[in-house]
Amino acid sequence: MPEGHSVHRIARQFDRNIVGRRVSASSPQGRFAEGATVIDGREATAVRAVGKQMFLEFDDDIWLRVHLGMYGAWDFAGEIIVDPTIASANGRMGQTNQRGTDLDAIMDAAGENSLTSIGAPRRTRVHVRMSEQTTGLAEETEWPPPVVGQVRLRLMTVPTPSPLDADASGGASGRVGPTTCADLRGPTACELQTADEVAATIAKLGPDPLVDDLAEGEERFTAVVRRKPTAIGQLLMDQSVVSGIGNVYRAELLFRARLNPHTPGRDVPEEVVRGLWHDWTRLLRIGVETGQMMTMDDLSPDDYRRAMASRDDRHWVYHRAGLPCRVCGTEIALEEMATRKLYWCPSCQR
């Protein structure tokens, strides 16, 4: 399932490429045809991400709520303007012992930090690829891109004619400004909401370090966890307790805290609960910057490159069932907790 860092990256991509533009909307799959008709031709005016959900505002106070769920993703084509706040994977954030090291951008082999498909990892069919330096279409290609697979919603920016781009007869001769296509596939939720409905949806979510005041979020998170008899391994996945944490971050946060996932929340020492919040804040920011769930610290430049290129080299316990713990050598355990796979070290996390 796409976790919180992916949704924040999607929102930033929308802010750079869609917000402030009028869009055409369609539902090639047909399952969102009525909603697409409502927003077709409207201007996207704002976007926000909270946890695993994104909210895209259109004029007349109409909001699109998208929850990617297990398999959802946004695929982008056309001219993609890179958000300058999302740095290349240069090793600086999370690599506090490597100040001054400047590593080149490292792309994950599975495309996890792709600019063209964000959400559930996939090898997307991309017709036009853009870089930070690109100002026009990278190559001549079919436009709009052909619909591939089950696209719930397609949003395309509508070109705005410019007097400087007029032909001899006074008519506009081509599209002006960035032209971007965003295809939504496989979401759990795709619906229109009013502003009040958006507020009600967000009110049900736990704090998000990139949205809420950090101090207030810490207090909310700590108070809820400390009064719950539920296992901490389940609480971290509960979006009403804390927003954005999924299966990968859950396993890694618990290992980094050396915390047994079965410990009732109310039995976790307060300083450990607060430590989980601070660690989540840090890891989420690293995920947004790099596009990858990097959870290992103090790596050498070579190890960092290897980890950024392969998921198997950037996690402590996730997806390592049966392999020796990187710290103590104990076999990493795999079990099911609340229908989701849980990876942990029985020795380090007693």
Protein backbone atom coordinates (compact mmCIF):
# COMPACT_ATOMS: atom_id res chain seq x y z
CA MET A 1 0.00 0.00 0.00
CA PRO A 2 1.31 3.49 -0.82
CA GLU A 3 2.26 5.12 2.48
CA GLY A 4 2.19 8.73 3.63
CA HIS A 5 5.36 9.88 1.89
CA SER A 6 3.96 8.86 -1.52
CA VAL A 7 0.74 10.81 -1.02
CA HIS A 8 2.62 13.95 -0.02
CA ARG A 9 4.78 13.59 -3.14
CA ILE A 10 1.66 13.24 -5.25
CA ALA A 11 0.17 16.38 -3.72
CA ARG A 12 3.36 18.33 -4.44
CA GLN A 13 3.35 17.07 -8.00
CA PHE A 14 -0.24 18.25 -8.39
CA ASP A 15 0.64 21.61 -6.86
CA ARG A 16 3.37 22.15 -9.44
CA ASN A 17 1.58 20.78 -12.50
CA ILE A 18 -2.19 20.94 -12.02
CA VAL A 19 -3.14 23.61 -9.45
CA GLY A 20 -3.88 26.94 -11.07
CA ARG A 21 -4.81 25.28 -14.36
CA ARG A 22 -8.14 24.45 -15.91
CA VAL A 23 -8.49 20.73 -16.52
CA SER A 24 -10.44 18.35 -18.65
CA ALA A 25 -11.70 15.35 -16.72
CA SER A 26 -12.91 11.98 -17.93
CA SER A 27 -13.39 8.46 -16.62
CA PRO A 28 -12.18 6.04 -19.31
CA GLN A 29 -13.14 3.13 -17.07
CA GLY A 30 -16.60 4.61 -16.54
CA ARG A 31 -16.73 4.15 -12.77
CA PHE A 32 -16.30 7.86 -12.05
CA ALA A 33 -18.12 9.25 -15.08
CA GLU A 34 -20.58 11.38 -13.11
CA GLY A 35 -17.89 12.91 -10.93
CA ALA A 36 -15.63 13.58 -13.89
CA THR A 37 -18.46 15.46 -15.59
CA VAL A 38 -18.79 17.74 -12.56
CA ILE A 39 -15.12 18.78 -12.48
CA ASP A 40 -14.54 18.81 -16.25
CA GLY A 41 -13.53 22.29 -17.36
CA ARG A 42 -12.98 23.60 -13.83
CA GLU A 43 -9.80 25.10 -12.43
CA ALA A 44 -7.88 23.19 -9.78
CA THR A 45 -7.32 25.72 -7.01
CA ALA A 46 -5.57 23.86 -4.16
CA VAL A 47 -4.31 20.46 -3.06
CA ARG A 48 -3.49 18.94 0.28
CA ALA A 49 -2.38 15.57 1.58
CA VAL A 50 -3.22 14.18 5.00
CA GLY A 51 -1.85 10.75 5.79
CA LYS A 52 -2.79 8.41 2.96
CA GLN A 53 -5.47 10.67 1.47
CA MET A 54 -5.25 13.52 -1.03
CA PHE A 55 -7.76 16.31 -1.47
CA LEU A 56 -7.81 18.35 -4.70
CA GLU A 57 -9.93 21.50 -4.68
CA PHE A 58 -11.71 22.93 -7.72
CA ASP A 59 -13.53 26.21 -8.10
CA ASP A 60 -17.02 26.52 -6.59
CA ASP A 61 -15.71 24.70 -3.48
CA ILE A 62 -15.76 21.23 -5.03
CA TRP A 63 -13.20 18.75 -3.70
CA LEU A 64 -11.90 15.47 -5.08
CA ARG A 65 -10.92 12.97 -2.37
CA VAL A 66 -8.61 10.13 -3.38
CA HIS A 67 -7.43 7.25 -1.20
CA LEU A 68 -5.06 5.01 -3.15
CA GLY A 69 -5.57 1.96 -0.93
CA MET A 70 -3.55 -1.18 -1.65
CA TYR A 71 -3.09 -0.86 -5.40
CA GLY A 72 -3.80 2.71 -6.41
CA ALA A 73 -1.37 5.05 -8.17
CA TRP A 74 -1.25 8.21 -10.21
CA ASP A 75 0.57 7.94 -13.55
CA PHE A 76 1.84 11.21 -15.04
CA ALA A 77 2.71 11.94 -18.65
CA GLY A 78 3.50 15.06 -20.64
CA GLU A 79 5.45 17.96 -19.22
CA ILE A 80 6.28 17.31 -15.58
CA ILE A 81 7.64 20.25 -13.61
CA VAL A 82 9.78 18.93 -10.77
CA ASP A 83 9.08 20.29 -7.29
CA PRO A 84 12.35 21.96 -6.17
CA THR A 85 11.55 21.08 -2.54
CA ILE A 86 11.93 17.41 -3.42
CA ALA A 87 15.67 17.06 -3.73
CA SER A 88 17.39 14.31 -5.60
CA ALA A 89 18.35 11.30 -3.53
CA ASN A 90 21.65 12.84 -2.51
CA GLY A 91 22.14 11.22 0.86
CA ARG A 92 22.03 14.39 2.94
CA MET A 93 18.76 13.88 4.78
CA GLY A 94 19.06 10.97 7.17
CA GLN A 95 22.80 10.72 6.58
CA THR A 96 23.95 13.04 9.34
CA ASN A 97 27.45 11.60 9.38
CA GLN A 98 28.01 12.46 5.72
CA ARG A 99 27.85 16.25 5.62
CA GLY A 100 29.53 17.48 2.50
CA THR A 101 28.87 14.26 0.62
CA ASP A 102 27.05 14.94 -2.64
CA LEU A 103 25.72 11.78 -4.21
CA ASP A 104 24.03 11.81 -7.59
CA ALA A 105 20.36 10.94 -7.91
CA ILE A 106 19.81 7.22 -7.46
CA MET A 107 16.75 5.59 -8.98
CA ASP A 108 15.21 2.56 -7.36
CA ALA A 109 15.16 -0.45 -9.67
CA ALA A 110 11.40 -0.90 -9.07
CA GLY A 111 10.62 2.74 -9.81
CA GLU A 112 9.61 3.57 -6.25
CA ASN A 113 10.90 7.13 -6.54
CA SER A 114 9.64 7.66 -10.10
CA LEU A 115 8.27 11.05 -11.08
CA THR A 116 5.93 9.44 -13.58
CA SER A 117 4.08 6.90 -11.43
CA ILE A 118 3.52 7.55 -7.74
CA GLY A 119 1.66 5.13 -5.52
CA ALA A 120 1.67 1.38 -5.78
CA PRO A 121 5.02 0.52 -7.44
CA ARG A 122 4.62 -0.39 -11.10
CA ARG A 123 6.51 -0.17 -14.34
CA THR A 124 4.28 2.35 -16.02
CA ARG A 125 4.00 2.98 -19.75
CA VAL A 126 5.43 6.46 -20.08
CA HIS A 127 5.37 8.29 -23.39
CA VAL A 128 7.09 11.49 -22.33
CA ARG A 129 9.74 11.79 -19.67
CA MET A 130 10.82 15.14 -18.32
CA SER A 131 13.74 16.40 -16.23
CA GLU A 132 14.25 19.49 -14.14
CA GLN A 133 15.98 21.18 -17.05
CA THR A 134 13.29 20.40 -19.64
CA THR A 135 11.09 23.28 -20.75
CA GLY A 136 9.11 21.61 -23.53
CA LEU A 137 7.99 18.18 -24.61
CA ALA A 138 10.88 15.77 -24.45
CA GLU A 139 9.98 14.15 -27.74
CA GLU A 140 7.29 14.07 -30.36
CA THR A 141 4.69 11.60 -29.20
CA GLU A 142 0.99 10.92 -29.40
CA TRP A 143 -1.05 13.43 -27.43
CA PRO A 144 -3.09 12.85 -25.45
CA PRO A 145 -1.45 9.60 -24.39
CA PRO A 146 -3.48 6.47 -25.17
CA VAL A 147 -5.45 5.12 -22.23
CA VAL A 148 -3.75 1.99 -20.93
CA GLY A 149 -5.56 -0.30 -18.50
CA GLN A 150 -8.33 0.61 -16.10
CA VAL A 151 -8.11 4.37 -15.62
CA ARG A 152 -10.66 5.56 -13.06
CA LEU A 153 -9.99 9.25 -13.68
CA ARG A 154 -7.95 11.16 -16.23
CA LEU A 155 -7.10 14.80 -15.58
CA MET A 156 -5.44 16.86 -18.30
CA THR A 157 -4.44 20.49 -18.10
CA VAL A 158 -6.16 22.61 -20.73
CA PRO A 159 -3.72 24.70 -22.81
CA THR A 160 -4.25 28.46 -22.69
CA PRO A 161 -3.76 30.28 -26.02
CA SER A 162 -1.35 33.21 -25.94
CA PRO A 163 -1.28 36.27 -28.25
CA LEU A 164 2.44 35.62 -28.69
CA ASP A 165 1.61 32.21 -30.10
CA ALA A 166 -0.95 33.37 -32.65
CA ASP A 167 -0.70 32.48 -36.34
CA ALA A 168 -0.96 34.96 -39.17
CA SER A 169 -4.76 34.85 -39.17
CA GLY A 170 -4.88 35.77 -35.50
CA GLY A 171 -5.75 32.34 -34.22
CA ALA A 172 -3.85 30.38 -31.57
CA SER A 173 -1.43 27.98 -33.22
CA GLY A 174 -0.52 25.63 -30.39
CA ARG A 175 -0.65 24.82 -26.73
CA VAL A 176 1.06 27.22 -24.34
CA GLY A 177 2.65 26.34 -21.03
CA PRO A 178 3.00 22.94 -19.39
CA THR A 179 0.60 20.24 -20.56
CA THR A 180 0.23 17.40 -18.10
CA CYS A 181 -1.85 14.25 -18.00
CA ALA A 182 -2.56 12.47 -14.69
CA ASP A 183 -4.22 9.03 -14.75
CA LEU A 184 -5.63 7.49 -11.58
CA ARG A 185 -5.76 3.71 -11.38
CA GLY A 186 -6.97 1.29 -8.74
CA PRO A 187 -7.91 3.63 -5.87
CA THR A 188 -9.90 2.51 -2.86
CA ALA A 189 -11.76 5.83 -2.86
CA CYS A 190 -12.35 8.43 -5.56
CA GLU A 191 -15.21 10.77 -4.76
CA LEU A 192 -16.34 14.38 -4.74
CA GLN A 193 -16.85 16.11 -1.40
CA THR A 194 -17.97 19.47 -0.11
CA ALA A 195 -15.64 21.54 2.07
CA ASP A 196 -17.58 20.42 5.16
CA GLU A 197 -17.24 16.78 4.15
CA VAL A 198 -13.50 17.21 3.65
CA ALA A 199 -13.20 18.76 7.10
CA ALA A 200 -15.15 15.87 8.60
CA THR A 201 -12.95 13.31 6.85
CA ILE A 202 -9.75 14.97 8.06
CA ALA A 203 -11.12 15.30 11.60
CA LYS A 204 -11.28 11.50 11.82
CA LEU A 205 -7.59 11.15 10.98
CA GLY A 206 -4.71 11.09 13.42
CA PRO A 207 -1.96 13.74 13.29
CA ASP A 208 0.30 14.02 10.25
CA PRO A 209 3.77 15.48 10.94
CA LEU A 210 3.76 17.37 7.65
CA VAL A 211 0.33 18.91 8.24
CA ASP A 212 -0.26 19.37 11.95
CA ASP A 213 1.67 21.42 14.48
CA LEU A 214 4.43 19.06 15.58
CA ALA A 215 4.05 19.70 19.29
CA GLU A 216 0.28 19.35 19.19
CA GLY A 217 0.55 16.25 17.05
CA GLU A 218 2.98 14.69 19.50
CA GLU A 219 0.60 15.31 22.39
CA ARG A 220 -2.39 13.88 20.52
CA PHE A 221 -0.48 10.79 19.45
CA THR A 222 1.02 10.19 22.87
CA ALA A 223 -2.28 10.62 24.70
CA VAL A 224 -4.14 8.19 22.45
CA VAL A 225 -1.46 5.49 22.49
CA ARG A 226 -0.95 5.70 26.25
CA ARG A 227 -4.60 4.97 27.04
CA LYS A 228 -5.11 2.08 24.58
CA PRO A 229 -4.88 -1.63 25.50
CA THR A 230 -4.38 -2.40 21.79
CA ALA A 231 -0.98 -3.70 20.66
CA ILE A 232 1.34 -0.92 19.53
CA GLY A 233 1.85 -2.80 16.26
CA GLN A 234 -1.83 -2.29 15.49
CA LEU A 235 -2.02 1.28 16.78
CA LEU A 236 0.68 2.48 14.40
CA MET A 237 -1.42 1.23 11.48
CA ASP A 238 -4.61 2.87 12.77
CA GLN A 239 -5.08 6.05 10.73
CA SER A 240 -7.23 7.55 13.48
CA VAL A 241 -4.23 7.33 15.83
CA VAL A 242 -1.51 8.59 13.48
CA SER A 243 -1.71 9.36 9.76
CA GLY A 244 0.40 7.88 6.99
CA ILE A 245 2.10 4.87 8.56
CA GLY A 246 1.73 1.64 6.60
CA ASN A 247 3.21 -1.82 6.80
CA VAL A 248 6.77 -0.87 5.92
CA TYR A 249 7.09 2.10 8.22
CA ARG A 250 5.30 0.23 11.02
CA ALA A 251 7.84 -2.61 11.02
CA GLU A 252 10.82 -0.28 10.72
CA LEU A 253 9.69 2.20 13.39
CA LEU A 254 9.14 -0.59 15.89
CA PHE A 255 12.54 -2.11 15.18
CA ARG A 256 14.31 1.23 15.43
CA ALA A 257 12.66 1.70 18.84
CA ARG A 258 13.53 -1.91 19.79
CA LEU A 259 9.87 -2.28 20.73
CA ASN A 260 7.90 -5.54 20.82
CA PRO A 261 4.95 -5.05 18.46
CA HIS A 262 2.63 -6.91 20.83
CA THR A 263 3.13 -4.48 23.70
CA PRO A 264 -0.16 -2.79 24.66
CA GLY A 265 -0.04 0.92 23.89
CA ARG A 266 -0.74 1.84 27.50
CA ASP A 267 2.30 -0.17 28.59
CA VAL A 268 4.74 1.55 26.26
CA PRO A 269 6.80 4.08 28.24
CA GLU A 270 5.85 7.66 27.46
CA GLU A 271 9.35 8.56 26.31
CA VAL A 272 9.26 5.65 23.84
CA VAL A 273 5.90 6.78 22.45
CA ARG A 274 7.24 10.30 21.98
CA GLY A 275 10.33 8.83 20.37
CA LEU A 276 8.14 7.00 17.86
CA TRP A 277 6.48 10.30 16.90
CA HIS A 278 9.81 12.05 16.40
CA ASP A 279 11.20 9.14 14.40
CA TRP A 280 8.09 9.05 12.20
CA THR A 281 8.47 12.77 11.58
CA ARG A 282 12.04 12.24 10.46
CA LEU A 283 11.43 9.17 8.30
CA LEU A 284 8.41 10.76 6.62
CA ARG A 285 10.47 13.76 5.57
CA ILE A 286 13.20 11.51 4.21
CA GLY A 287 10.55 9.57 2.26
CA VAL A 288 9.11 12.72 0.72
CA GLU A 289 12.55 14.01 -0.26
CA THR A 290 13.91 10.79 -1.76
CA GLY A 291 10.72 9.04 -2.83
CA GLN A 292 11.84 5.92 -1.00
CA MET A 293 11.22 4.49 2.45
CA MET A 294 14.82 4.74 3.60
CA THR A 295 14.94 3.60 7.24
CA MET A 296 18.62 2.83 7.83
CA ASP A 297 21.05 5.41 9.19
CA ASP A 298 24.80 6.01 9.13
CA LEU A 299 25.48 4.21 5.87
CA SER A 300 28.67 4.67 3.91
CA PRO A 301 28.22 6.37 0.51
CA ASP A 302 28.49 2.99 -1.25
CA ASP A 303 25.99 1.34 1.09
CA TYR A 304 23.66 4.28 0.70
CA ARG A 305 23.74 4.01 -3.09
CA ARG A 306 23.06 0.29 -2.84
CA ALA A 307 20.18 0.85 -0.42
CA MET A 308 18.57 3.54 -2.54
CA ALA A 309 18.70 1.28 -5.58
CA SER A 310 17.24 -1.79 -3.88
CA ARG A 311 14.56 -2.14 -1.19
CA ASP A 312 16.26 -5.25 0.15
CA ASP A 313 19.22 -3.11 1.24
CA ARG A 314 17.41 -0.19 2.90
CA HIS A 315 15.28 -1.79 5.61
CA TRP A 316 16.11 -3.37 8.96
CA VAL A 317 13.38 -6.02 9.11
CA TYR A 318 10.69 -5.41 6.50
CA HIS A 319 10.49 -8.16 3.88
CA ARG A 320 13.36 -10.03 5.56
CA ALA A 321 11.47 -13.00 7.05
CA GLY A 322 13.84 -15.90 7.76
CA LEU A 323 16.96 -13.79 7.22
CA PRO A 324 19.35 -12.96 10.06
CA CYS A 325 18.76 -9.72 11.94
CA ARG A 326 21.25 -7.07 10.83
CA VAL A 327 22.02 -6.35 14.49
CA CYS A 328 21.93 -9.63 16.43
CA GLY A 329 21.70 -12.39 13.81
CA THR A 330 18.38 -13.79 15.06
CA GLU A 331 16.02 -14.97 12.33
CA ILE A 332 13.50 -12.25 11.44
CA ALA A 333 9.98 -13.39 12.29
CA LEU A 334 6.92 -13.06 10.09
CA GLU A 335 3.40 -13.24 11.44
CA GLU A 336 -0.01 -11.81 10.75
CA MET A 337 -1.32 -8.95 12.84
CA ALA A 338 -4.80 -7.64 12.06
CA THR A 339 -4.68 -9.25 8.57
CA ARG A 340 -1.36 -7.57 7.66
CA LYS A 341 2.13 -9.07 7.57
CA LEU A 342 4.34 -8.11 10.50
CA TYR A 343 8.13 -8.41 10.37
CA TRP A 344 10.16 -8.15 13.57
CA CYS A 345 13.21 -9.43 15.45
CA PRO A 346 12.22 -11.53 18.52
CA SER A 347 15.59 -10.78 20.18
CA CYS A 348 16.07 -7.07 19.55
CA GLN A 349 12.39 -6.37 20.14
CA ARG A 350 11.71 -8.38 23.30
